Amino acid sequence: MDYDNVATTVFTPLEYGCVGLTEEEAVRRHGEDKIEIYHAHYKPLEYTVAEREAAQCYIKIVCLRESDQTILGLHFIGPNAGEVVQGFALGMKCNATYSQLASTVGIHPTCAEEVNKLNITKRSGLDATVTSC
């Protein structure tokens, strides 16, 4: 049994879902120089209509930096996190890479498509706030 890639969700008013390694565990196993973190704060469409605060909605993907960047972990805070993470768990079990993810067209308008649009790395120091669809 591969316990690293068991999808987990906390079903609270703002859901948290994850699969794979945390950023800290990936760094411990592979070293900081071999890890790339893609992340974004995003605003779900349903929050726009209801004028809800979305500062807590956040996505992070933990990848190896080498070649196609194998995805080691996915962390998702926002509506339907469990549904989103479950789909990506299979991809990670099949050794999905960041380049495969980036070349996939997400279903619009969904929260899951925000994962496909991740392109800002922590290393870059750029603002990770997504402004619109």
Protein backbone atom coordinates (compact mmCIF):
# COMPACT_ATOMS: atom_id res chain seq x y z
CA MET A 1 0.00 0.00 0.00
CA ASP A 2 1.34 3.43 -1.00
CA TYR A 3 0.45 5.62 1.95
CA ASP A 4 2.07 8.73 0.42
CA ASN A 5 -0.70 9.15 -2.14
CA VAL A 6 -3.84 8.63 -0.08
CA ALA A 7 -6.25 11.48 -0.79
CA THR A 8 -7.62 13.16 2.34
CA THR A 9 -10.23 15.86 2.86
CA VAL A 10 -11.39 17.81 5.89
CA PHE A 11 -15.09 18.60 5.36
CA THR A 12 -15.41 21.97 7.06
CA PRO A 13 -17.25 25.04 5.71
CA LEU A 14 -14.08 25.77 3.73
CA GLU A 15 -12.79 22.33 2.69
CA TYR A 16 -9.14 21.27 2.71
CA GLY A 17 -8.02 18.40 0.52
CA CYS A 18 -4.59 16.95 -0.09
CA VAL A 19 -2.80 14.04 -1.68
CA GLY A 20 0.89 13.24 -1.66
CA LEU A 21 3.74 14.91 0.14
CA THR A 22 3.74 18.17 2.02
CA GLU A 23 6.26 20.78 0.97
CA GLU A 24 8.27 20.08 4.12
CA GLU A 25 8.35 16.30 3.58
CA ALA A 26 9.34 16.71 -0.08
CA VAL A 27 12.24 18.96 0.93
CA ARG A 28 13.29 16.48 3.62
CA ARG A 29 13.31 13.57 1.14
CA HIS A 30 14.71 15.28 -1.95
CA GLY A 31 16.43 18.48 -0.81
CA GLU A 32 15.26 22.09 -1.23
CA ASP A 33 17.07 22.61 -4.54
CA LYS A 34 15.21 19.69 -6.15
CA ILE A 35 11.69 20.86 -5.24
CA GLU A 36 9.49 23.40 -7.07
CA ILE A 37 6.30 24.75 -5.52
CA TYR A 38 3.53 26.13 -7.74
CA HIS A 39 0.83 28.02 -5.86
CA ALA A 40 -2.06 30.45 -6.16
CA HIS A 41 -4.73 32.23 -4.17
CA TYR A 42 -7.90 32.13 -6.26
CA LYS A 43 -11.51 33.28 -6.14
CA PRO A 44 -14.16 30.65 -6.93
CA LEU A 45 -16.92 31.78 -9.26
CA GLU A 46 -19.57 31.15 -6.61
CA TYR A 47 -17.73 33.54 -4.28
CA THR A 48 -17.85 36.30 -6.91
CA VAL A 49 -21.62 36.14 -7.30
CA ALA A 50 -22.21 36.09 -3.53
CA GLU A 51 -19.46 38.69 -2.91
CA ARG A 52 -17.74 36.36 -0.41
CA GLU A 53 -14.18 36.86 0.80
CA ALA A 54 -11.87 34.39 -0.92
CA ALA A 55 -8.52 35.16 0.72
CA GLN A 56 -8.38 31.66 2.20
CA CYS A 57 -8.81 29.80 -1.13
CA TYR A 58 -5.37 28.45 -1.98
CA ILE A 59 -3.78 25.76 -4.13
CA LYS A 60 -0.26 24.36 -3.93
CA ILE A 61 1.45 21.71 -6.04
CA VAL A 62 4.74 20.20 -4.90
CA CYS A 63 6.95 18.98 -7.78
CA LEU A 64 10.41 17.65 -8.43
CA ARG A 65 12.38 20.28 -10.37
CA GLU A 66 14.02 17.82 -12.76
CA SER A 67 12.80 17.10 -16.34
CA ASP A 68 8.98 17.09 -16.60
CA GLN A 69 8.53 17.84 -12.88
CA THR A 70 6.79 14.81 -11.36
CA ILE A 71 3.99 15.95 -9.03
CA LEU A 72 4.70 14.87 -5.45
CA GLY A 73 1.84 16.61 -3.65
CA LEU A 74 -1.34 18.64 -4.14
CA HIS A 75 -2.93 20.81 -1.44
CA PHE A 76 -6.25 22.54 -2.07
CA ILE A 77 -8.28 24.85 0.17
CA GLY A 78 -11.66 25.88 -1.18
CA PRO A 79 -15.10 24.69 -2.24
CA ASN A 80 -15.33 21.03 -3.30
CA ALA A 81 -11.74 20.28 -2.28
CA GLY A 82 -12.54 16.59 -1.83
CA GLU A 83 -13.95 16.27 -5.32
CA VAL A 84 -10.99 18.10 -6.83
CA VAL A 85 -8.31 16.17 -4.96
CA GLN A 86 -9.84 12.76 -5.68
CA GLY A 87 -9.39 13.26 -9.42
CA PHE A 88 -5.79 14.36 -9.08
CA ALA A 89 -4.99 11.42 -6.78
CA LEU A 90 -5.32 9.03 -9.71
CA GLY A 91 -3.07 11.19 -11.85
CA MET A 92 -0.43 11.24 -9.15
CA LYS A 93 -0.66 7.46 -8.77
CA CYS A 94 0.18 7.32 -12.51
CA ASN A 95 3.21 9.64 -12.01
CA ALA A 96 1.61 12.75 -13.49
CA THR A 97 3.95 15.63 -14.23
CA TYR A 98 3.58 19.40 -14.09
CA SER A 99 4.07 19.63 -17.87
CA GLN A 100 1.18 17.18 -18.42
CA LEU A 101 -0.99 19.14 -16.00
CA ALA A 102 -0.14 22.46 -17.66
CA SER A 103 -1.05 21.07 -21.08
CA THR A 104 -4.48 19.87 -19.91
CA VAL A 105 -7.53 22.06 -20.51
CA GLY A 106 -9.53 22.47 -17.30
CA ILE A 107 -13.32 22.40 -17.19
CA HIS A 108 -14.64 25.97 -17.05
CA PRO A 109 -15.96 27.35 -14.76
CA THR A 110 -14.81 25.06 -11.92
CA CYS A 111 -12.48 25.33 -8.97
CA ALA A 112 -10.54 22.35 -10.34
CA GLU A 113 -9.48 24.32 -13.41
CA GLU A 114 -7.45 26.59 -11.13
CA VAL A 115 -5.06 23.67 -10.61
CA ASN A 116 -4.46 23.42 -14.36
CA LYS A 117 -3.68 27.14 -14.51
CA LEU A 118 -0.98 27.15 -11.81
CA ASN A 119 2.15 28.81 -13.15
CA ILE A 120 3.61 30.92 -10.33
CA THR A 121 6.36 29.38 -8.25
CA LYS A 122 7.23 30.29 -4.69
CA ARG A 123 10.85 30.56 -5.82
CA SER A 124 9.90 33.39 -8.23
CA GLY A 125 8.64 35.63 -5.42
CA LEU A 126 5.75 36.81 -7.64
CA ASP A 127 2.30 37.57 -6.22
CA ALA A 128 0.29 34.35 -6.30
CA THR A 129 -3.12 36.01 -6.40
CA VAL A 130 -5.23 35.03 -9.41
CA THR A 131 -7.15 38.11 -10.55
CA SER A 132 -9.89 36.65 -12.77
CA CYS A 133 -10.88 33.80 -15.04
